[in-house]
Amino acid sequence: MPGPRKHLTPKQMKFAQLIVYGVEGSPITKTEAARLAGYSDASREGSIMTNPKHYPLVCAFISNLRDEVRHKYGISFEAHLEELGKIRDRGKKDNRNLAAAATTEIARGKVAGYYIDQKIIRHGKIDDLNLDQLYERMKTIKEKNEKVLEAKELLNASEEPKSESKNMTVKLLPQSHKISDQDSTS
């Protein structure tokens, strides 16, 4: 059985870029990103490629691209919360409709990855777990995240892309790069 992959394919890179940058600046779904990247079973591939257990390199590359976006636009968790607080305070003080400003700031947070659309169904409370169960849960969380962290380290250590190769070593795109429909045909 071969070891873990150390390179992203061009399709995987394209998928990750589409997830982060969208098409012409507009966000798209995982399925649409997979379709534009050239996958035939787009709904399945779009879902599975964002699973760190199956594709840790793709998840790490998406994380790196999002880090670039956050850095480029000066988006930090603290600044985001501060801006939302200012909008709230102005709305309370002036009694004006600041819905557009709030929506814009929330959109900034979404771009930065601070909002994740997920549902977690919990059964029981953490207080109901014994010490062994807590340690087991922490071990599971650590193992799940270790793959992505290792993949990020691998990606960050990569050199220039190999030309003439089916698998490409990852090279991050310039921060101003945007994906368009024309790119999906390359």
Foldseek 3Di string as FASTA:
>chain_A
DDDDDLFAFQLLLQLLQCCQQNAPNDHDALLVSSVLSPDPNSVVCSVVCCQCVRNLLSVLSSLVLLVLVCVVVVNDPVVLVVQLVVLVVCCVVVVDDPVVVNVVSVVVCVSSVVDDPDDDDDDDDPVPDDPVVVVVVVVVVCVSVVSNVVSNVSLVPWDAFDPPDRTTRDDDDPNVDHDHSVVSVD
